[in-house]
C-alpha atoms as a PDB file:
ATOM      1  CA  MET A   1      -6.940 -10.215  27.731  1.00  0.00           C
ATOM      2  CA  PRO A   2     -10.661  -9.583  27.049  1.00  0.00           C
ATOM      3  CA  ALA A   3     -11.304  -6.410  24.643  1.00  0.00           C
ATOM      4  CA  SER A   4      -7.653  -6.112  23.699  1.00  0.00           C
ATOM      5  CA  ARG A   5      -6.169  -5.856  20.301  1.00  0.00           C
ATOM      6  CA  PRO A   6      -6.457  -9.571  18.694  1.00  0.00           C
ATOM      7  CA  ASP A   7      -2.879  -9.300  17.312  1.00  0.00           C
ATOM      8  CA  ASP A   8       0.321  -8.478  18.828  1.00  0.00           C
ATOM      9  CA  PHE A   9       1.862  -7.000  15.579  1.00  0.00           C
ATOM     10  CA  THR A  10       0.267  -3.901  14.097  1.00  0.00           C
ATOM     11  CA  THR A  11       0.744  -3.336  10.257  1.00  0.00           C
ATOM     12  CA  GLU A  12      -1.547  -0.506   9.348  1.00  0.00           C
ATOM     13  CA  LEU A  13      -3.539   2.244  11.253  1.00  0.00           C
ATOM     14  CA  ALA A  14      -6.417   4.433   9.912  1.00  0.00           C
ATOM     15  CA  VAL A  15      -8.969   6.702  11.751  1.00  0.00           C
ATOM     16  CA  ASP A  16     -12.290   6.861   9.864  1.00  0.00           C
ATOM     17  CA  ARG A  17     -14.550  10.007   9.497  1.00  0.00           C
ATOM     18  CA  SER A  18     -16.613   8.998  12.575  1.00  0.00           C
ATOM     19  CA  GLY A  19     -13.432   8.903  14.708  1.00  0.00           C
ATOM     20  CA  LEU A  20     -13.024   5.277  14.992  1.00  0.00           C
ATOM     21  CA  LEU A  21      -9.449   3.816  14.982  1.00  0.00           C
ATOM     22  CA  TRP A  22      -8.916   0.838  12.606  1.00  0.00           C
ATOM     23  CA  VAL A  23      -6.046  -1.485  13.432  1.00  0.00           C
ATOM     24  CA  GLY A  24      -4.652  -3.866  10.889  1.00  0.00           C
ATOM     25  CA  GLY A  25      -2.857  -6.865  12.227  1.00  0.00           C
ATOM     26  CA  GLN A  26      -0.152  -9.308  10.756  1.00  0.00           C
ATOM     27  CA  ILE A  27      -2.183 -12.421  11.764  1.00  0.00           C
ATOM     28  CA  ALA A  28      -5.647 -11.587  13.089  1.00  0.00           C
ATOM     29  CA  GLY A  29      -7.082  -9.131  10.423  1.00  0.00           C
ATOM     30  CA  VAL A  30      -8.558  -5.872  11.527  1.00  0.00           C
ATOM     31  CA  ALA A  31      -9.966  -4.512  14.752  1.00  0.00           C
ATOM     32  CA  THR A  32     -11.590  -1.263  15.587  1.00  0.00           C
ATOM     33  CA  THR A  33     -11.714   0.942  18.685  1.00  0.00           C
ATOM     34  CA  ASP A  34     -12.353   4.507  19.740  1.00  0.00           C
ATOM     35  CA  PRO A  35      -8.993   6.305  20.072  1.00  0.00           C
ATOM     36  CA  ASP A  36     -10.082   7.707  23.476  1.00  0.00           C
ATOM     37  CA  GLY A  37      -9.856   4.310  24.903  1.00  0.00           C
ATOM     38  CA  ALA A  38     -12.975   2.165  24.167  1.00  0.00           C
ATOM     39  CA  GLN A  39     -12.661  -1.610  23.968  1.00  0.00           C
ATOM     40  CA  CYS A  40     -11.244  -3.148  20.759  1.00  0.00           C
ATOM     41  CA  ARG A  41     -13.707  -4.980  18.537  1.00  0.00           C
ATOM     42  CA  TYR A  42     -12.486  -7.664  16.193  1.00  0.00           C
ATOM     43  CA  VAL A  43     -14.036  -7.797  12.542  1.00  0.00           C
ATOM     44  CA  MET A  44     -13.729 -10.907  10.751  1.00  0.00           C
ATOM     45  CA  ASP A  45     -14.983 -12.004   7.147  1.00  0.00           C
ATOM     46  CA  PRO A  46     -17.065 -15.103   7.632  1.00  0.00           C
ATOM     47  CA  ALA A  47     -17.262 -16.010   3.895  1.00  0.00           C
ATOM     48  CA  PRO A  48     -15.700 -19.498   3.243  1.00  0.00           C
ATOM     49  CA  GLY A  49     -12.192 -19.197   1.782  1.00  0.00           C
ATOM     50  CA  HIS A  50     -11.940 -15.615   2.985  1.00  0.00           C
ATOM     51  CA  ASN A  51     -11.203 -16.015   6.675  1.00  0.00           C
ATOM     52  CA  GLN A  52      -9.495 -12.771   7.522  1.00  0.00           C
ATOM     53  CA  ARG A  53      -7.513 -14.337  10.537  1.00  0.00           C
ATOM     54  CA  THR A  54      -5.202 -15.962   7.897  1.00  0.00           C
ATOM     55  CA  ASN A  55      -3.954 -12.737   6.294  1.00  0.00           C
ATOM     56  CA  THR A  56      -1.955  -9.744   7.085  1.00  0.00           C
ATOM     57  CA  ILE A  57      -3.796  -6.285   6.571  1.00  0.00           C
ATOM     58  CA  ARG A  58      -1.336  -4.104   4.586  1.00  0.00           C
ATOM     59  CA  THR A  59      -3.461  -1.175   3.860  1.00  0.00           C
ATOM     60  CA  ILE A  60      -6.865   0.465   4.898  1.00  0.00           C
ATOM     61  CA  TRP A  61      -8.639   3.133   2.996  1.00  0.00           C
ATOM     62  CA  GLU A  62     -12.031   4.658   3.625  1.00  0.00           C
ATOM     63  CA  ASP A  63     -14.264   5.505   0.615  1.00  0.00           C
ATOM     64  CA  PRO A  64     -16.714   8.494   0.088  1.00  0.00           C
ATOM     65  CA  SER A  65     -19.529   6.171   1.444  1.00  0.00           C
ATOM     66  CA  ALA A  66     -17.654   5.439   4.560  1.00  0.00           C
ATOM     67  CA  ARG A  67     -16.839   1.808   3.624  1.00  0.00           C
ATOM     68  CA  LEU A  68     -13.385   0.553   4.368  1.00  0.00           C
ATOM     69  CA  TRP A  69     -11.306  -1.131   1.694  1.00  0.00           C
ATOM     70  CA  LEU A  70      -8.842  -3.716   3.108  1.00  0.00           C
ATOM     71  CA  GLY A  71      -5.735  -4.767   1.163  1.00  0.00           C
ATOM     72  CA  THR A  72      -4.417  -8.092   2.472  1.00  0.00           C
ATOM     73  CA  ASP A  73      -1.224  -9.980   2.065  1.00  0.00           C
ATOM     74  CA  GLY A  74      -2.638 -13.163   0.443  1.00  0.00           C
ATOM     75  CA  ASP A  75      -6.436 -12.729   0.417  1.00  0.00           C
ATOM     76  CA  GLY A  76      -6.425 -10.022  -2.105  1.00  0.00           C
ATOM     77  CA  LEU A  77      -8.813  -6.966  -1.974  1.00  0.00           C
ATOM     78  CA  LYS A  78     -12.034  -6.720   0.181  1.00  0.00           C
ATOM     79  CA  ARG A  79     -14.623  -4.082   1.154  1.00  0.00           C
ATOM     80  CA  TYR A  80     -16.016  -3.938   4.584  1.00  0.00           C
ATOM     81  CA  ASP A  81     -19.377  -1.925   5.194  1.00  0.00           C
ATOM     82  CA  PRO A  82     -19.572  -1.123   8.856  1.00  0.00           C
ATOM     83  CA  ALA A  83     -23.243  -0.147   8.689  1.00  0.00           C
ATOM     84  CA  GLN A  84     -24.171  -3.543   7.339  1.00  0.00           C
ATOM     85  CA  ASP A  85     -21.395  -5.400   9.053  1.00  0.00           C
ATOM     86  CA  SER A  86     -20.696  -7.073   5.588  1.00  0.00           C
ATOM     87  CA  PHE A  87     -17.563  -7.934   3.450  1.00  0.00           C
ATOM     88  CA  GLU A  88     -17.441  -8.103  -0.248  1.00  0.00           C
ATOM     89  CA  SER A  89     -14.393  -9.429  -2.105  1.00  0.00           C
ATOM     90  CA  PHE A  90     -13.128  -7.801  -5.311  1.00  0.00           C
ATOM     91  CA  ASN A  91     -10.660 -10.450  -6.481  1.00  0.00           C
ATOM     92  CA  ASP A  92     -12.732 -11.416  -9.500  1.00  0.00           C
ATOM     93  CA  ALA A  93     -11.932  -7.791 -10.847  1.00  0.00           C
ATOM     94  CA  PHE A  94      -8.445  -8.895 -11.187  1.00  0.00           C
ATOM     95  CA  LYS A  95      -9.124 -12.419 -12.755  1.00  0.00           C
ATOM     96  CA  ALA A  96      -7.978 -11.347 -16.217  1.00  0.00           C
ATOM     97  CA  VAL A  97      -4.407 -10.120 -14.946  1.00  0.00           C
ATOM     98  CA  SER A  98      -1.530 -12.489 -15.508  1.00  0.00           C
ATOM     99  CA  THR A  99       0.108 -13.140 -12.117  1.00  0.00           C
ATOM    100  CA  THR A 100       3.792 -13.564 -11.481  1.00  0.00           C
ATOM    101  CA  PRO A 101       4.587 -17.247 -11.404  1.00  0.00           C
ATOM    102  CA  ALA A 102       6.966 -17.033  -8.556  1.00  0.00           C
ATOM    103  CA  ASP A 103       4.158 -15.358  -6.376  1.00  0.00           C
ATOM    104  CA  PRO A 104       0.737 -15.970  -7.674  1.00  0.00           C
ATOM    105  CA  LEU A 105      -1.007 -14.732  -4.590  1.00  0.00           C
ATOM    106  CA  TRP A 106      -2.425 -11.037  -4.627  1.00  0.00           C
ATOM    107  CA  ARG A 107      -0.604  -8.991  -1.931  1.00  0.00           C
ATOM    108  CA  ILE A 108      -2.306  -5.558  -1.738  1.00  0.00           C
ATOM    109  CA  SER A 109       0.223  -3.069  -0.371  1.00  0.00           C
ATOM    110  CA  ALA A 110      -1.412   0.287  -0.942  1.00  0.00           C
ATOM    111  CA  LEU A 111      -4.871   1.894  -1.813  1.00  0.00           C
ATOM    112  CA  ALA A 112      -5.747   5.554  -2.701  1.00  0.00           C
ATOM    113  CA  GLY A 113      -8.700   7.348  -4.065  1.00  0.00           C
ATOM    114  CA  ALA A 114      -8.959   8.070  -7.785  1.00  0.00           C
ATOM    115  CA  GLY A 115     -12.006  10.360  -7.951  1.00  0.00           C
ATOM    116  CA  GLY A 116     -15.671   9.245  -7.650  1.00  0.00           C
ATOM    117  CA  ASN A 117     -15.962   5.655  -6.728  1.00  0.00           C
ATOM    118  CA  LYS A 118     -12.770   4.671  -8.265  1.00  0.00           C
ATOM    119  CA  LEU A 119      -9.533   3.817  -6.532  1.00  0.00           C
ATOM    120  CA  TRP A 120      -5.770   3.042  -7.136  1.00  0.00           C
ATOM    121  CA  VAL A 121      -4.561  -0.333  -6.168  1.00  0.00           C
ATOM    122  CA  ALA A 122      -0.799  -1.159  -5.738  1.00  0.00           C
ATOM    123  CA  SER A 123       0.234  -4.872  -5.468  1.00  0.00           C
ATOM    124  CA  ASN A 124       3.020  -7.380  -6.075  1.00  0.00           C
ATOM    125  CA  GLN A 125       1.338  -7.951  -9.513  1.00  0.00           C
ATOM    126  CA  GLY A 126       1.351  -4.353 -10.465  1.00  0.00           C
ATOM    127  CA  ALA A 127      -0.651  -1.036 -10.013  1.00  0.00           C
ATOM    128  CA  PHE A 128      -4.188  -0.791 -11.137  1.00  0.00           C
ATOM    129  CA  LEU A 129      -7.061   1.537 -11.610  1.00  0.00           C
ATOM    130  CA  LEU A 130     -10.194  -0.143 -10.076  1.00  0.00           C
ATOM    131  CA  ASP A 131     -13.791   0.666 -11.107  1.00  0.00           C
ATOM    132  CA  PRO A 132     -15.750  -1.172  -8.246  1.00  0.00           C
ATOM    133  CA  ASP A 133     -19.242  -0.444 -10.085  1.00  0.00           C
ATOM    134  CA  ALA A 134     -17.939  -2.283 -13.243  1.00  0.00           C
ATOM    135  CA  ARG A 135     -15.598  -4.582 -11.308  1.00  0.00           C
ATOM    136  CA  LYS A 136     -12.804  -3.966 -13.944  1.00  0.00           C
ATOM    137  CA  VAL A 137      -9.248  -2.725 -13.516  1.00  0.00           C
ATOM    138  CA  ALA A 138      -6.855  -0.922 -15.892  1.00  0.00           C
ATOM    139  CA  ALA A 139      -3.102  -1.749 -15.331  1.00  0.00           C
ATOM    140  CA  LEU A 140      -0.584   0.918 -15.445  1.00  0.00           C
ATOM    141  CA  PRO A 141       2.121  -0.095 -18.104  1.00  0.00           C
ATOM    142  CA  LEU A 142       5.354  -2.005 -17.388  1.00  0.00           C
ATOM    143  CA  ASP A 143       8.406  -0.847 -19.391  1.00  0.00           C
ATOM    144  CA  PRO A 144      11.700  -1.654 -17.718  1.00  0.00           C
ATOM    145  CA  VAL A 145      13.717  -1.212 -20.926  1.00  0.00           C
ATOM    146  CA  ASN A 146      12.558   2.155 -22.325  1.00  0.00           C
ATOM    147  CA  GLY A 147      11.295   3.844 -19.094  1.00  0.00           C
ATOM    148  CA  ASN A 148       7.761   4.395 -20.387  1.00  0.00           C
ATOM    149  CA  GLY A 149       6.186   2.555 -17.545  1.00  0.00           C
ATOM    150  CA  LEU A 150       7.053   0.973 -14.110  1.00  0.00           C
ATOM    151  CA  SER A 151      10.211  -0.920 -14.113  1.00  0.00           C
ATOM    152  CA  GLY A 152       8.562  -3.909 -12.374  1.00  0.00           C
ATOM    153  CA  ALA A 153       5.293  -5.393 -11.235  1.00  0.00           C
ATOM    154  CA  GLY A 154       6.183  -5.191  -7.502  1.00  0.00           C
ATOM    155  CA  VAL A 155       4.724  -2.012  -6.033  1.00  0.00           C
ATOM    156  CA  ARG A 156       4.928  -1.593  -2.285  1.00  0.00           C
ATOM    157  CA  ALA A 157       4.009   2.048  -1.755  1.00  0.00           C
ATOM    158  CA  MET A 158       1.770   4.704  -3.381  1.00  0.00           C
ATOM    159  CA  LEU A 159       1.067   8.443  -2.663  1.00  0.00           C
ATOM    160  CA  VAL A 160      -1.423  10.608  -4.548  1.00  0.00           C
ATOM    161  CA  ALA A 161      -0.238  14.306  -4.670  1.00  0.00           C
ATOM    162  CA  HIS A 162      -2.351  17.365  -4.615  1.00  0.00           C
ATOM    163  CA  ASP A 163      -1.815  17.933  -8.265  1.00  0.00           C
ATOM    164  CA  GLY A 164      -3.179  14.545  -9.239  1.00  0.00           C
ATOM    165  CA  SER A 165       0.210  12.832  -9.868  1.00  0.00           C
ATOM    166  CA  ILE A 166       0.838   9.551  -8.272  1.00  0.00           C
ATOM    167  CA  TRP A 167       4.193   8.464  -6.662  1.00  0.00           C
ATOM    168  CA  PHE A 168       5.107   4.817  -6.447  1.00  0.00           C
ATOM    169  CA  GLY A 169       7.789   2.747  -4.728  1.00  0.00           C
ATOM    170  CA  THR A 170       8.767  -0.490  -6.404  1.00  0.00           C
ATOM    171  CA  PHE A 171      10.941  -3.297  -5.302  1.00  0.00           C
ATOM    172  CA  GLY A 172      11.450  -5.523  -8.495  1.00  0.00           C
ATOM    173  CA  PHE A 173      12.905  -8.558  -6.741  1.00  0.00           C
ATOM    174  CA  ASP A 174      12.092 -11.670  -4.827  1.00  0.00           C
ATOM    175  CA  LEU A 175      11.631 -10.398  -1.365  1.00  0.00           C
ATOM    176  CA  ALA A 176      12.370 -13.815   0.137  1.00  0.00           C
ATOM    177  CA  GLY A 177      15.412 -14.685  -1.844  1.00  0.00           C
ATOM    178  CA  PHE A 178      17.176 -11.277  -2.380  1.00  0.00           C
ATOM    179  CA  ASP A 179      20.612 -11.001  -0.567  1.00  0.00           C
ATOM    180  CA  PHE A 180      20.818  -7.243   0.494  1.00  0.00           C
ATOM    181  CA  LYS A 181      24.148  -7.622   1.907  1.00  0.00           C
ATOM    182  CA  SER A 182      25.846  -8.628  -1.352  1.00  0.00           C
ATOM    183  CA  LYS A 183      23.701  -7.253  -3.969  1.00  0.00           C
ATOM    184  CA  PRO A 184      22.805  -3.495  -4.586  1.00  0.00           C
ATOM    185  CA  PRO A 185      19.010  -2.829  -4.223  1.00  0.00           C
ATOM    186  CA  VAL A 186      17.218  -2.578  -7.335  1.00  0.00           C
ATOM    187  CA  GLY A 187      13.848  -0.796  -6.311  1.00  0.00           C
ATOM    188  CA  SER A 188      12.907   2.593  -7.758  1.00  0.00           C
ATOM    189  CA  LEU A 189      10.803   5.675  -7.059  1.00  0.00           C
ATOM    190  CA  PHE A 190       8.482   6.700  -9.808  1.00  0.00           C
ATOM    191  CA  ARG A 191       6.013   9.616 -10.364  1.00  0.00           C
ATOM    192  CA  ILE A 192       3.192   9.258 -12.998  1.00  0.00           C
ATOM    193  CA  ASP A 193       1.362  12.410 -14.334  1.00  0.00           C
ATOM    194  CA  PRO A 194      -2.039  12.298 -15.924  1.00  0.00           C
ATOM    195  CA  PRO A 195      -2.742  10.866 -18.609  1.00  0.00           C
ATOM    196  CA  GLY A 196       0.115   8.614 -17.997  1.00  0.00           C
ATOM    197  CA  LYS A 197       3.491  10.167 -18.337  1.00  0.00           C
ATOM    198  CA  VAL A 198       6.099   8.145 -16.309  1.00  0.00           C
ATOM    199  CA  THR A 199       9.128   9.828 -14.629  1.00  0.00           C
ATOM    200  CA  LYS A 200      11.732   7.788 -12.775  1.00  0.00           C
ATOM    201  CA  LEU A 201      12.737   9.744  -9.507  1.00  0.00           C
ATOM    202  CA  ALA A 202      15.371   7.506  -7.901  1.00  0.00           C
ATOM    203  CA  ASP A 203      17.177   4.092  -8.080  1.00  0.00           C
ATOM    204  CA  GLY A 204      18.784   2.109  -5.426  1.00  0.00           C
ATOM    205  CA  VAL A 205      15.662   1.606  -3.278  1.00  0.00           C
ATOM    206  CA  GLU A 206      15.332  -1.497  -1.099  1.00  0.00           C
ATOM    207  CA  ILE A 207      11.797  -2.067   0.206  1.00  0.00           C
ATOM    208  CA  THR A 208       9.633   0.856  -0.027  1.00  0.00           C
ATOM    209  CA  ASN A 209       6.957   0.736   2.820  1.00  0.00           C
ATOM    210  CA  GLY A 210       5.476   4.114   2.701  1.00  0.00           C
ATOM    211  CA  LEU A 211       5.682   7.451   1.057  1.00  0.00           C
ATOM    212  CA  GLY A 212       4.600  10.980   2.460  1.00  0.00           C
ATOM    213  CA  PHE A 213       5.119  14.673   1.962  1.00  0.00           C
ATOM    214  CA  SER A 214       5.899  17.348   4.331  1.00  0.00           C
ATOM    215  CA  PRO A 215       2.994  19.983   4.892  1.00  0.00           C
ATOM    216  CA  ASP A 216       4.593  22.368   2.582  1.00  0.00           C
ATOM    217  CA  ARG A 217       5.385  19.594   0.026  1.00  0.00           C
ATOM    218  CA  LYS A 218       9.015  20.426  -0.229  1.00  0.00           C
ATOM    219  CA  LEU A 219      10.318  17.295   1.272  1.00  0.00           C
ATOM    220  CA  LEU A 220       9.427  13.562   0.401  1.00  0.00           C
ATOM    221  CA  TYR A 221       9.619  10.946   3.220  1.00  0.00           C
ATOM    222  CA  HIS A 222      10.374   7.511   2.096  1.00  0.00           C
ATOM    223  CA  CYS A 223      10.260   4.737   4.507  1.00  0.00           C
ATOM    224  CA  ASP A 224      12.560   1.692   3.704  1.00  0.00           C
ATOM    225  CA  SER A 225      11.911  -1.471   5.541  1.00  0.00           C
ATOM    226  CA  ASN A 226      15.504  -2.529   5.377  1.00  0.00           C
ATOM    227  CA  SER A 227      17.288   0.719   6.507  1.00  0.00           C
ATOM    228  CA  GLY A 228      14.959   3.356   7.940  1.00  0.00           C
ATOM    229  CA  VAL A 229      13.396   6.568   6.802  1.00  0.00           C
ATOM    230  CA  TRP A 230      14.890   8.723   3.973  1.00  0.00           C
ATOM    231  CA  VAL A 231      14.040  12.228   3.080  1.00  0.00           C
ATOM    232  CA  SER A 232      14.634  14.009  -0.244  1.00  0.00           C
ATOM    233  CA  ASP A 233      14.179  17.558  -1.339  1.00  0.00           C
ATOM    234  CA  VAL A 234      11.297  18.059  -3.887  1.00  0.00           C
ATOM    235  CA  ARG A 235      12.391  20.572  -6.524  1.00  0.00           C
ATOM    236  CA  ALA A 236       9.845  22.968  -8.348  1.00  0.00           C
ATOM    237  CA  ASP A 237       9.654  20.466 -11.382  1.00  0.00           C
ATOM    238  CA  ARG A 238       8.767  17.707  -8.827  1.00  0.00           C
ATOM    239  CA  THR A 239      11.964  15.707  -9.244  1.00  0.00           C
ATOM    240  CA  VAL A 240      13.869  14.825  -6.037  1.00  0.00           C
ATOM    241  CA  ARG A 241      17.381  15.445  -4.795  1.00  0.00           C
ATOM    242  CA  TYR A 242      19.671  15.159  -1.869  1.00  0.00           C
ATOM    243  CA  ARG A 243      18.394  11.819  -0.705  1.00  0.00           C
ATOM    244  CA  ARG A 244      19.542  11.428   2.916  1.00  0.00           C
ATOM    245  CA  PHE A 245      18.749   9.535   6.137  1.00  0.00           C
ATOM    246  CA  PHE A 246      15.947  11.103   8.410  1.00  0.00           C
ATOM    247  CA  ALA A 247      15.870   8.191  10.894  1.00  0.00           C
ATOM    248  CA  ARG A 248      17.321   4.681  11.206  1.00  0.00           C
ATOM    249  CA  VAL A 249      15.361   1.819  12.605  1.00  0.00           C
ATOM    250  CA  PRO A 250      16.762  -1.248  14.340  1.00  0.00           C
ATOM    251  CA  GLU A 251      17.209  -4.316  12.294  1.00  0.00           C
ATOM    252  CA  GLY A 252      13.996  -6.220  11.986  1.00  0.00           C
ATOM    253  CA  ASN A 253      11.713  -3.311  12.756  1.00  0.00           C
ATOM    254  CA  PRO A 254      10.419  -2.202   9.310  1.00  0.00           C
ATOM    255  CA  ALA A 255       9.514   1.636   9.076  1.00  0.00           C
ATOM    256  CA  ASP A 256       6.031   2.570   7.703  1.00  0.00           C
ATOM    257  CA  THR A 257       3.998   5.906   7.349  1.00  0.00           C
ATOM    258  CA  THR A 258       0.503   6.733   8.719  1.00  0.00           C
END
């Protein structure tokens, strides 16, 4: 249908400061429209080797300069400037990072501002602080044995709290080959406080697909692709307790937050 969404599956939603709605798709990249009902406009990266139509858009974040950062499931990280209608890939910033042999592609799952022009990047290869101007990244530590870092490189969700702490959801297993029915889930929830103190909040997580606080910050909502939406009480010391179901989703319909 002319002017309709170019993709039947929606993976991400974001409204920019001008009021435009950006819709990330599972196959056809990203499209934009006015939420009041204007026609959809498909936006594609024309660079050779960076055809956006071959990638799922996992996350969209608008920086202070009104540029959109797009995290993809296979084409890494790119920045779109609506004013210039131009794309810029930042995959070269990660070239020094050793990738997981079982899954060498860069699957960017979450983005968040880190002050100034910097941003946090969560991926299947770990979590990183990116300096776009220097085109360099600093990786958060991994320490599954002693607990002084994330338990695994696979990070699916990220939430920056009002106090500057960062909350992460990891999965720590091969998504394609893991048998959820016969094995206990091995994902975890973490909080990292400046300048880098790591606190594990919960185990037994399957596939974290989104994190969010209630307006009063007393509840943490955790979207799990395999089971539904969980909610936990947030204590005064910012640990969590009483994890319980908030909403179940039908099998095959992953939950997410926007």
